[in-house]
N, C-alpha and C. Protein backbone atom coordinates (compact mmCIF):
# COMPACT_ATOMS: atom_id res chain seq x y z
N MET A 1 46.39 72.14 113.63
CA MET A 1 46.96 72.61 112.30
C MET A 1 47.40 73.93 112.55
N LYS A 2 46.47 74.82 113.15
CA LYS A 2 47.05 76.18 113.43
C LYS A 2 48.22 76.24 114.25
N ARG A 3 48.31 75.35 115.43
CA ARG A 3 49.30 75.36 116.16
C ARG A 3 50.79 74.96 115.25
N ILE A 4 50.53 73.99 114.59
CA ILE A 4 51.79 73.62 113.53
C ILE A 4 52.21 74.81 112.73
N LEU A 5 51.17 75.53 112.25
CA LEU A 5 51.47 76.63 111.49
C LEU A 5 51.98 77.96 112.13
N LEU A 6 51.51 78.08 113.52
CA LEU A 6 52.28 79.07 114.33
C LEU A 6 53.46 78.76 114.64
N LEU A 7 53.91 77.64 115.11
CA LEU A 7 55.04 77.19 115.49
C LEU A 7 56.10 77.24 114.33
N PHE A 8 55.70 77.03 113.02
CA PHE A 8 56.45 77.18 112.03
C PHE A 8 56.64 78.69 111.47
N ILE A 9 55.84 79.65 111.78
CA ILE A 9 55.95 81.01 111.73
C ILE A 9 57.05 81.33 112.88
N VAL A 10 56.82 80.81 113.99
CA VAL A 10 57.69 81.48 115.24
C VAL A 10 59.30 80.95 114.75
N LEU A 11 59.26 79.60 114.29
CA LEU A 11 60.55 79.15 113.89
C LEU A 11 61.43 79.85 112.81
N MET A 12 60.53 80.29 111.97
CA MET A 12 61.06 81.09 110.69
C MET A 12 61.41 82.46 111.08
N THR A 13 60.53 82.97 112.00
CA THR A 13 60.87 84.24 112.35
C THR A 13 62.34 84.33 113.36
N ALA A 14 62.50 83.49 114.04
CA ALA A 14 63.48 83.26 114.91
C ALA A 14 64.75 83.09 114.09
N GLY A 15 64.60 82.05 113.18
CA GLY A 15 65.70 81.97 112.24
C GLY A 15 66.11 83.11 111.44
N ASN A 16 65.38 83.88 111.09
CA ASN A 16 65.46 85.12 110.26
C ASN A 16 66.23 86.16 111.16
N VAL A 17 65.82 86.11 112.37
CA VAL A 17 66.53 87.14 113.40
C VAL A 17 67.78 86.58 113.58
N ALA A 18 68.00 85.33 113.91
CA ALA A 18 69.27 84.73 114.15
C ALA A 18 70.21 85.09 112.79
N MET A 19 69.98 84.91 111.73
CA MET A 19 70.60 84.99 110.32
C MET A 19 70.95 86.73 110.34
N ALA A 20 69.99 87.51 110.63
CA ALA A 20 70.24 89.00 110.51
C ALA A 20 71.21 89.39 111.41
N THR A 21 71.13 88.82 112.84
CA THR A 21 72.32 89.02 113.71
C THR A 21 73.53 88.58 113.30
N ASP A 22 73.57 87.35 112.70
CA ASP A 22 75.01 86.90 112.20
C ASP A 22 75.33 87.52 111.10
N LYS A 23 74.48 88.16 110.08
CA LYS A 23 74.86 88.81 109.23
C LYS A 23 75.58 90.51 109.45
N ASN A 24 74.91 90.98 110.63
CA ASN A 24 75.58 91.99 111.26
C ASN A 24 76.68 91.77 111.72
N LYS A 25 77.07 90.69 112.21
CA LYS A 25 78.29 90.61 112.81
C LYS A 25 79.41 90.38 111.69
N LYS A 26 78.92 89.74 110.63
CA LYS A 26 79.98 89.85 109.53
C LYS A 26 80.13 90.96 108.86
N THR A 27 79.30 92.03 108.94
CA THR A 27 79.54 93.35 108.14
C THR A 27 80.17 94.34 109.14
N GLU A 28 80.36 93.99 110.31
CA GLU A 28 81.10 94.86 111.20
C GLU A 28 82.63 95.05 110.61
N LYS A 29 83.18 96.04 110.74
CA LYS A 29 84.45 96.52 110.17
C LYS A 29 85.74 95.65 110.83
N THR A 30 85.82 94.58 110.37
CA THR A 30 87.22 94.01 110.81
C THR A 30 88.04 93.86 109.59
N PRO A 31 89.26 94.50 109.71
CA PRO A 31 90.21 94.50 108.43
C PRO A 31 90.66 93.19 108.09
N LYS A 32 90.67 93.07 106.81
CA LYS A 32 91.40 91.77 106.46
C LYS A 32 92.70 92.13 106.04
N LYS A 33 93.46 91.13 106.17
CA LYS A 33 94.98 91.18 106.12
C LYS A 33 95.37 91.78 104.58
N ASN A 34 94.43 91.53 103.71
CA ASN A 34 94.89 92.01 102.28
C ASN A 34 94.13 93.15 101.84
N GLU A 35 93.53 93.95 102.78
CA GLU A 35 92.82 95.08 102.51
C GLU A 35 93.38 96.31 103.40
N ILE A 36 93.24 97.61 102.98
CA ILE A 36 93.45 98.68 103.68
C ILE A 36 92.26 98.72 104.56
N ASP A 37 92.51 98.91 105.84
CA ASP A 37 91.38 99.02 106.89
C ASP A 37 90.80 100.54 106.77
N TRP A 38 90.04 100.81 105.77
CA TRP A 38 89.14 102.17 105.57
C TRP A 38 88.10 102.25 106.60
N ILE A 39 88.33 103.26 107.32
CA ILE A 39 87.11 103.45 108.40
C ILE A 39 86.58 104.93 108.14
N SER A 40 85.57 105.30 108.95
CA SER A 40 84.94 106.53 108.85
C SER A 40 85.49 107.60 109.46
N PHE A 41 85.01 108.68 109.42
CA PHE A 41 85.67 109.89 110.17
C PHE A 41 85.37 109.83 111.58
N ASP A 42 83.97 109.29 111.78
CA ASP A 42 83.66 109.05 113.19
C ASP A 42 84.40 107.84 113.99
N GLU A 43 84.68 106.72 113.21
CA GLU A 43 85.39 105.74 113.72
C GLU A 43 86.90 106.35 114.09
N ALA A 44 87.30 106.92 113.00
CA ALA A 44 88.73 107.71 113.25
C ALA A 44 88.78 108.50 114.48
N GLU A 45 87.82 109.33 114.66
CA GLU A 45 87.81 110.06 115.89
C GLU A 45 87.92 109.14 117.15
N LYS A 46 87.00 108.12 117.27
CA LYS A 46 87.08 107.19 118.36
C LYS A 46 88.39 106.52 118.41
N ARG A 47 89.02 106.10 117.65
CA ARG A 47 90.09 105.46 117.69
C ARG A 47 91.42 106.39 118.04
N MET A 48 91.35 107.55 117.64
CA MET A 48 92.30 108.56 117.90
C MET A 48 92.37 108.97 119.48
N GLN A 49 91.13 108.75 120.11
CA GLN A 49 91.21 108.94 121.62
C GLN A 49 91.83 107.97 122.28
N LYS A 50 91.98 106.63 121.72
CA LYS A 50 92.82 105.56 122.53
C LYS A 50 93.97 105.37 122.14
N GLU A 51 94.25 105.52 120.86
CA GLU A 51 95.67 105.51 120.14
C GLU A 51 95.87 106.58 118.90
N PRO A 52 96.55 107.67 119.37
CA PRO A 52 96.76 108.59 118.40
C PRO A 52 97.68 108.30 117.24
N ARG A 53 97.22 108.31 115.89
CA ARG A 53 97.87 108.22 114.67
C ARG A 53 97.97 109.25 113.90
N LYS A 54 98.72 108.94 112.85
CA LYS A 54 98.63 109.95 111.52
C LYS A 54 97.42 109.45 110.84
N VAL A 55 96.84 110.30 109.92
CA VAL A 55 95.65 109.87 109.32
C VAL A 55 95.97 110.22 107.68
N TRP A 56 95.46 109.15 106.82
CA TRP A 56 95.45 109.15 105.41
C TRP A 56 94.14 109.11 104.98
N ILE A 57 93.90 110.07 104.04
CA ILE A 57 92.50 110.39 103.52
C ILE A 57 92.61 109.97 102.03
N ASP A 58 91.83 109.31 101.43
CA ASP A 58 91.80 109.06 100.04
C ASP A 58 90.59 109.95 99.63
N VAL A 59 90.82 110.89 99.05
CA VAL A 59 89.51 111.64 98.48
C VAL A 59 89.35 111.43 96.94
N TYR A 60 88.18 111.08 96.59
CA TYR A 60 87.97 110.33 95.47
C TYR A 60 86.52 110.85 94.99
N THR A 61 86.11 110.56 93.70
CA THR A 61 84.74 110.57 93.17
C THR A 61 84.40 109.24 92.56
N GLU A 62 83.13 109.13 92.23
CA GLU A 62 82.71 107.78 91.72
C GLU A 62 83.13 107.91 90.07
N TRP A 63 83.19 109.08 89.51
CA TRP A 63 83.48 109.13 87.93
C TRP A 63 84.81 109.21 87.87
N CYS A 64 85.99 109.39 88.70
CA CYS A 64 87.29 109.65 88.47
C CYS A 64 87.98 108.47 88.11
N GLY A 65 88.51 108.26 87.06
CA GLY A 65 89.39 107.15 86.44
C GLY A 65 90.53 106.86 87.12
N TRP A 66 91.46 108.10 87.51
CA TRP A 66 92.70 107.69 88.27
C TRP A 66 92.30 107.33 89.52
N CYS A 67 91.24 107.69 90.14
CA CYS A 67 90.96 107.14 91.46
C CYS A 67 90.75 105.65 91.39
N LYS A 68 90.22 105.08 90.43
CA LYS A 68 89.97 103.66 90.26
C LYS A 68 91.37 103.11 89.93
N VAL A 69 92.10 103.65 89.29
CA VAL A 69 93.47 103.15 89.04
C VAL A 69 94.30 103.11 90.39
N LEU A 70 94.08 104.16 91.20
CA LEU A 70 94.83 104.09 92.46
C LEU A 70 94.37 103.05 93.27
N ASP A 71 92.99 102.74 93.36
CA ASP A 71 92.61 101.72 94.17
C ASP A 71 93.05 100.37 93.78
N LYS A 72 93.06 100.18 92.55
CA LYS A 72 93.42 98.78 91.58
C LYS A 72 94.94 98.62 91.69
N LYS A 73 95.87 99.60 91.71
CA LYS A 73 97.14 99.42 91.54
C LYS A 73 97.99 99.60 92.79
N VAL A 74 97.43 100.71 93.48
CA VAL A 74 98.34 101.15 94.69
C VAL A 74 97.64 100.64 95.95
N PHE A 75 96.49 100.88 96.09
CA PHE A 75 95.86 100.65 97.44
C PHE A 75 95.59 99.02 97.74
N SER A 76 95.77 98.36 96.56
CA SER A 76 95.62 96.79 96.74
C SER A 76 97.21 96.21 96.78
N HIS A 77 98.10 97.08 96.83
CA HIS A 77 99.51 96.27 96.88
C HIS A 77 99.73 95.98 98.49
N PRO A 78 100.29 94.88 98.53
CA PRO A 78 100.44 94.07 99.92
C PRO A 78 101.41 95.10 100.82
N GLU A 79 102.45 95.68 100.28
CA GLU A 79 103.20 96.38 101.03
C GLU A 79 102.54 97.91 101.54
N VAL A 80 101.77 98.37 100.63
CA VAL A 80 101.06 99.72 100.74
C VAL A 80 99.95 99.42 101.80
N ILE A 81 99.26 98.28 101.74
CA ILE A 81 98.29 97.88 102.90
C ILE A 81 98.74 97.81 104.14
N LYS A 82 99.94 97.05 104.26
CA LYS A 82 100.78 96.78 105.53
C LYS A 82 101.12 98.03 106.14
N TYR A 83 101.68 98.82 105.32
CA TYR A 83 102.20 100.31 105.92
C TYR A 83 100.97 101.04 106.36
N ILE A 84 100.17 101.27 105.59
CA ILE A 84 99.12 102.00 105.83
C ILE A 84 98.21 101.60 107.04
N ASN A 85 98.04 100.34 107.14
CA ASN A 85 97.22 99.74 108.31
C ASN A 85 98.18 99.85 109.59
N THR A 86 99.47 99.88 109.48
CA THR A 86 100.40 99.94 110.72
C THR A 86 100.51 101.30 111.18
N LYS A 87 100.57 102.39 110.18
CA LYS A 87 101.08 103.54 110.64
C LYS A 87 100.05 104.68 110.66
N TYR A 88 98.77 104.53 109.86
CA TYR A 88 97.74 105.69 109.70
C TYR A 88 96.53 104.88 109.99
N TYR A 89 95.57 105.84 110.25
CA TYR A 89 94.16 105.58 110.21
C TYR A 89 93.63 106.06 108.81
N ALA A 90 93.14 105.25 108.01
CA ALA A 90 92.78 105.38 106.57
C ALA A 90 91.28 105.72 106.43
N ILE A 91 91.19 106.79 105.80
CA ILE A 91 89.52 107.21 105.52
C ILE A 91 89.39 107.40 103.97
N LYS A 92 88.57 106.77 103.46
CA LYS A 92 88.13 106.76 102.15
C LYS A 92 86.92 107.59 102.04
N PHE A 93 87.12 108.94 101.34
CA PHE A 93 86.22 110.17 101.36
C PHE A 93 85.60 110.56 100.15
N ASP A 94 84.47 110.11 99.72
CA ASP A 94 83.80 110.78 98.53
C ASP A 94 83.56 112.04 98.59
N ALA A 95 84.40 112.84 97.78
CA ALA A 95 84.41 114.25 97.86
C ALA A 95 82.83 114.79 97.40
N GLU A 96 82.08 113.89 96.67
CA GLU A 96 80.74 114.46 96.48
C GLU A 96 79.59 113.98 97.09
N ARG A 97 79.99 113.58 98.11
CA ARG A 97 78.91 112.89 99.05
C ARG A 97 77.91 114.06 99.34
N GLN A 98 76.60 113.60 99.47
CA GLN A 98 75.62 114.57 99.43
C GLN A 98 75.11 114.96 100.99
N ASP A 99 75.20 113.92 101.64
CA ASP A 99 74.79 113.94 103.05
C ASP A 99 75.43 114.67 103.86
N SER A 100 75.16 114.94 105.23
CA SER A 100 75.93 115.83 106.13
C SER A 100 76.32 114.96 107.20
N PHE A 101 77.41 115.21 107.94
CA PHE A 101 77.89 114.50 108.96
C PHE A 101 78.69 115.26 109.63
N ALA A 102 79.15 114.84 110.94
CA ALA A 102 79.85 115.58 111.84
C ALA A 102 81.35 115.12 112.02
N PHE A 103 82.26 115.89 111.99
CA PHE A 103 83.62 115.72 112.19
C PHE A 103 84.44 117.11 112.70
N ALA A 104 85.28 116.77 113.67
CA ALA A 104 86.05 117.64 114.25
C ALA A 104 85.35 118.86 114.91
N GLY A 105 84.02 118.46 115.40
CA GLY A 105 83.15 119.50 116.13
C GLY A 105 82.37 120.18 115.20
N LYS A 106 82.30 119.85 113.84
CA LYS A 106 81.50 120.79 112.98
C LYS A 106 80.80 119.89 112.13
N LYS A 107 79.56 120.37 111.50
CA LYS A 107 78.86 119.61 110.62
C LYS A 107 79.19 120.05 109.22
N TRP A 108 79.21 119.19 108.37
CA TRP A 108 79.88 119.32 106.94
C TRP A 108 78.83 118.76 105.97
N GLY A 109 78.55 119.53 105.20
CA GLY A 109 77.39 119.28 104.03
C GLY A 109 77.90 119.65 102.54
N PHE A 110 77.17 119.27 101.65
CA PHE A 110 77.28 119.47 100.30
C PHE A 110 77.35 120.79 99.99
N MET A 111 78.33 121.48 99.01
CA MET A 111 78.42 122.96 98.70
C MET A 111 78.27 122.71 97.27
N PRO A 112 77.04 123.08 96.79
CA PRO A 112 76.79 123.08 95.27
C PRO A 112 77.67 124.04 94.52
N GLU A 113 78.24 125.10 94.86
CA GLU A 113 79.38 125.82 94.28
C GLU A 113 80.61 125.04 93.79
N TYR A 114 81.07 124.23 94.64
CA TYR A 114 82.04 123.35 94.49
C TYR A 114 81.75 122.06 93.74
N LYS A 115 80.49 121.76 93.84
CA LYS A 115 79.92 120.40 93.63
C LYS A 115 80.72 119.23 94.54
N ALA A 116 81.00 119.78 95.72
CA ALA A 116 81.78 118.84 96.80
C ALA A 116 81.29 119.10 98.11
N ASN A 117 81.56 118.16 98.89
CA ASN A 117 81.37 118.33 100.50
C ASN A 117 82.18 119.37 101.05
N GLY A 118 81.90 120.18 102.00
CA GLY A 118 82.52 121.19 102.39
C GLY A 118 83.74 120.81 103.15
N LEU A 119 83.96 119.52 103.84
CA LEU A 119 85.08 118.93 104.23
C LEU A 119 86.16 118.77 103.36
N ALA A 120 85.54 118.19 102.18
CA ALA A 120 86.66 118.03 101.12
C ALA A 120 87.21 119.31 100.48
N VAL A 121 86.44 120.40 100.38
CA VAL A 121 86.70 121.91 99.95
C VAL A 121 87.83 122.38 101.10
N GLN A 122 87.26 121.99 102.28
CA GLN A 122 88.50 122.55 103.43
C GLN A 122 89.83 121.90 103.18
N LEU A 123 89.80 120.48 103.20
CA LEU A 123 91.00 119.77 103.24
C LEU A 123 91.77 120.12 102.08
N MET A 124 91.15 120.30 101.06
CA MET A 124 91.99 120.39 99.69
C MET A 124 92.11 121.83 99.31
N GLY A 125 91.81 122.91 100.28
CA GLY A 125 91.98 124.18 100.04
C GLY A 125 91.33 124.83 98.71
N GLY A 126 90.12 124.21 98.54
CA GLY A 126 89.18 124.54 97.31
C GLY A 126 89.84 124.20 95.95
N GLN A 127 90.88 123.44 95.84
CA GLN A 127 91.55 123.03 94.74
C GLN A 127 91.12 121.52 94.49
N MET A 128 89.88 121.34 93.79
CA MET A 128 89.40 120.29 93.75
C MET A 128 89.69 119.43 92.46
N SER A 129 90.82 118.51 92.77
CA SER A 129 91.32 117.64 91.68
C SER A 129 91.33 116.18 92.55
N TYR A 130 91.11 115.12 91.53
CA TYR A 130 91.04 113.78 92.15
C TYR A 130 91.86 112.87 91.13
N PRO A 131 92.40 112.02 91.85
CA PRO A 131 92.50 111.76 93.38
C PRO A 131 93.35 112.78 94.21
N THR A 132 92.97 113.07 95.28
CA THR A 132 94.00 113.77 96.19
C THR A 132 93.95 113.11 97.48
N SER A 133 95.22 112.66 97.89
CA SER A 133 95.26 112.15 99.24
C SER A 133 95.60 113.34 100.28
N ILE A 134 95.06 113.02 101.56
CA ILE A 134 95.26 114.12 102.54
C ILE A 134 96.03 113.65 103.56
N PHE A 135 97.12 114.14 104.04
CA PHE A 135 98.01 113.50 105.09
C PHE A 135 97.60 114.37 106.24
N MET A 136 97.36 113.90 107.46
CA MET A 136 97.05 114.65 108.78
C MET A 136 97.95 114.07 109.74
N GLU A 137 98.51 114.97 110.69
CA GLU A 137 99.17 114.47 111.70
C GLU A 137 98.24 113.94 112.83
N GLU A 138 98.94 113.30 113.98
CA GLU A 138 98.00 112.99 114.94
C GLU A 138 96.91 113.87 115.57
N ASN A 139 95.72 113.49 115.90
CA ASN A 139 94.60 114.20 116.31
C ASN A 139 94.15 115.30 115.19
N PHE A 140 94.38 114.80 113.99
CA PHE A 140 93.64 115.73 112.72
C PHE A 140 94.28 116.92 112.60
N GLN A 141 95.50 117.13 112.88
CA GLN A 141 96.14 118.43 112.72
C GLN A 141 96.92 118.57 111.40
N ASN A 142 97.12 119.61 110.93
CA ASN A 142 98.00 120.19 109.67
C ASN A 142 97.54 119.32 108.48
N PRO A 143 96.32 119.45 108.04
CA PRO A 143 95.92 118.58 107.00
C PRO A 143 96.94 119.16 105.63
N ALA A 144 97.41 118.21 104.90
CA ALA A 144 98.34 118.47 103.75
C ALA A 144 97.72 117.82 102.52
N PRO A 145 97.09 118.32 101.48
CA PRO A 145 96.84 117.47 100.20
C PRO A 145 98.05 117.14 99.54
N ILE A 146 97.93 115.98 98.85
CA ILE A 146 98.74 115.43 98.03
C ILE A 146 97.98 115.01 96.76
N PRO A 147 98.03 116.08 95.71
CA PRO A 147 97.01 115.62 94.54
C PRO A 147 97.69 114.63 93.53
N GLY A 148 96.92 113.98 92.77
CA GLY A 148 97.28 113.07 91.90
C GLY A 148 97.49 111.79 92.18
N TYR A 149 97.65 111.13 91.06
CA TYR A 149 97.92 109.58 91.17
C TYR A 149 99.43 109.40 91.21
N HIS A 150 99.89 108.35 92.20
CA HIS A 150 101.38 108.16 92.53
C HIS A 150 101.60 106.73 92.44
N PRO A 151 102.27 106.12 91.60
CA PRO A 151 102.38 104.92 91.47
C PRO A 151 103.21 104.01 92.72
N VAL A 152 103.19 103.03 92.89
CA VAL A 152 103.75 102.19 94.24
C VAL A 152 104.99 102.79 94.58
N PRO A 153 106.13 102.76 93.73
CA PRO A 153 107.26 103.11 94.30
C PRO A 153 107.40 104.82 94.94
N GLU A 154 106.64 105.49 94.14
CA GLU A 154 106.64 106.97 94.36
C GLU A 154 105.80 107.09 95.65
N MET A 155 104.57 106.27 95.91
CA MET A 155 103.91 106.42 97.09
C MET A 155 104.65 105.63 98.33
N GLU A 156 105.21 104.77 98.12
CA GLU A 156 106.21 104.41 99.25
C GLU A 156 107.10 105.28 99.82
N GLY A 157 107.62 106.19 98.82
CA GLY A 157 108.29 107.53 99.40
C GLY A 157 107.69 108.32 100.09
N ILE A 158 106.21 108.68 99.76
CA ILE A 158 105.49 109.70 100.17
C ILE A 158 105.07 109.15 101.60
N LEU A 159 104.53 107.88 101.56
CA LEU A 159 103.89 107.36 103.04
C LEU A 159 105.12 107.14 104.11
N LYS A 160 106.27 106.82 103.76
CA LYS A 160 107.32 106.80 104.56
C LYS A 160 108.04 108.03 105.03
N PHE A 161 108.24 108.98 103.84
CA PHE A 161 108.51 110.54 104.42
C PHE A 161 107.46 110.98 105.42
N LEU A 162 106.27 110.61 105.35
CA LEU A 162 105.22 111.27 106.27
C LEU A 162 105.16 110.45 107.43
N GLY A 163 104.98 108.98 107.26
CA GLY A 163 104.70 108.20 108.39
C GLY A 163 105.91 107.97 109.37
N GLU A 164 107.05 108.07 108.96
CA GLU A 164 108.21 107.98 109.81
C GLU A 164 108.47 109.39 110.56
N GLY A 165 107.83 110.57 110.11
CA GLY A 165 108.25 111.79 110.65
C GLY A 165 109.37 112.58 110.02
N VAL A 166 110.03 112.11 109.00
CA VAL A 166 110.92 112.70 108.24
C VAL A 166 110.57 113.99 108.03
N TYR A 167 109.54 114.41 107.51
CA TYR A 167 109.14 115.74 107.15
C TYR A 167 109.30 116.73 108.12
N LYS A 168 109.44 116.31 109.35
CA LYS A 168 109.64 117.44 110.57
C LYS A 168 111.01 118.05 110.43
N ASN A 169 111.88 117.47 109.86
CA ASN A 169 113.33 118.19 109.65
C ASN A 169 113.98 117.95 108.41
N THR A 170 113.22 117.52 107.28
CA THR A 170 113.88 117.25 106.06
C THR A 170 112.93 117.84 105.00
N LYS A 171 113.30 118.29 103.92
CA LYS A 171 112.46 118.70 102.90
C LYS A 171 112.31 117.55 101.93
N TYR A 172 111.13 117.26 101.50
CA TYR A 172 110.79 116.26 100.53
C TYR A 172 111.71 115.91 99.54
N GLU A 173 111.98 117.01 98.68
CA GLU A 173 113.09 116.94 97.70
C GLU A 173 114.37 116.39 98.04
N ASP A 174 114.99 116.66 99.31
CA ASP A 174 116.14 116.34 99.80
C ASP A 174 115.99 114.77 100.15
N TYR A 175 114.80 114.39 100.80
CA TYR A 175 114.46 113.02 101.25
C TYR A 175 114.61 112.01 99.98
N MET A 176 113.79 112.51 98.92
CA MET A 176 113.88 111.57 97.69
C MET A 176 115.20 111.67 96.82
N LYS A 177 115.97 112.42 97.21
CA LYS A 177 117.42 112.22 96.55
C LYS A 177 118.22 110.89 97.04
N THR A 178 117.91 110.57 98.31
CA THR A 178 118.53 109.48 98.81
C THR A 178 117.61 108.29 99.16
N PHE A 179 116.36 108.41 98.70
CA PHE A 179 115.44 107.42 99.03
C PHE A 179 115.60 106.41 97.98
N THR A 180 115.60 105.08 98.30
CA THR A 180 115.54 104.05 97.27
C THR A 180 114.29 103.10 97.63
N PRO A 181 113.29 103.18 96.47
CA PRO A 181 112.22 102.30 96.80
C PRO A 181 112.45 100.79 96.85
N ALA A 182 111.77 100.09 97.79
CA ALA A 182 111.85 98.76 97.81
C ALA A 182 110.57 97.98 97.24
N TRP A 183 109.37 98.85 97.26
CA TRP A 183 108.19 98.24 96.79
C TRP A 183 108.03 98.39 95.32
N LYS A 184 107.94 97.16 94.70
CA LYS A 184 107.76 97.20 93.17
C LYS A 184 106.41 97.15 92.71
N GLU A 185 106.15 97.76 91.54
CA GLU A 185 104.72 97.64 90.99
C GLU A 185 104.46 96.05 90.56
N ILE A 186 103.17 95.69 90.93
CA ILE A 186 102.72 94.39 90.58
C ILE A 186 102.09 94.58 89.03
N LEU A 187 102.66 93.95 88.31
CA LEU A 187 102.05 94.00 86.92
C LEU A 187 100.88 93.20 86.88
N THR A 188 99.93 93.52 86.20
CA THR A 188 98.78 92.65 85.94
C THR A 188 98.85 92.47 84.37
N PRO A 189 98.67 91.25 84.11
CA PRO A 189 98.69 90.65 82.55
C PRO A 189 97.61 91.26 81.90
N ALA A 190 98.16 91.64 80.67
CA ALA A 190 97.05 92.28 79.72
C ALA A 190 96.05 91.36 79.39
N ALA A 191 94.71 91.78 79.09
CA ALA A 191 93.55 91.13 78.59
C ALA A 191 93.90 90.56 77.14
N PRO A 192 93.32 89.36 77.00
CA PRO A 192 93.58 88.61 75.66
C PRO A 192 93.17 89.70 74.59
N GLY A 193 94.19 89.78 73.49
CA GLY A 193 93.83 90.74 72.27
C GLY A 193 94.03 92.04 72.74
N ALA A 194 94.72 92.51 73.82
CA ALA A 194 95.04 93.82 74.05
C ALA A 194 96.38 94.16 73.56
N HIS A 195 96.52 95.34 73.05
CA HIS A 195 97.86 95.60 72.49
C HIS A 195 98.43 96.78 73.42
């Protein structure tokens, strides 16, 4: 009886280890076709060494209503997803994260006087408003904050202006005079009883 019980325990333990290993494989970051491939700063640094790309950072907070609208209406749009995944390394960054982490050879931690992480303060030039997107050139050069919510057609112009390198020789205002958006807003049906 003891041997059967021991065998049962060994088999259950082996099964749990196999399931845990399998679960870890499933949680590894593999982008889905219908999602932006949001990665960490650490992962972005690793990928940048192999293939330099521009960087798009979504700086948000948990309490920010417009951040949630940006996620729901813009960052879930198929054309936005496809373009960002093709042209950029995308990082989702909670400005109020409390832990410390290393990026660009420095350690970044929470700054109580700003109620934000030091890297968010640095990237946003101390102008703490949410959401703010940060554009960076290859190898994390020249961070440029883009504050506020931008609907899909407007975001298309911004992403392409920066992603195609047009900003290097054209002012944004001049570019937008001739830009015609192709990406349309996806309207979500109103909830029953909503007016």
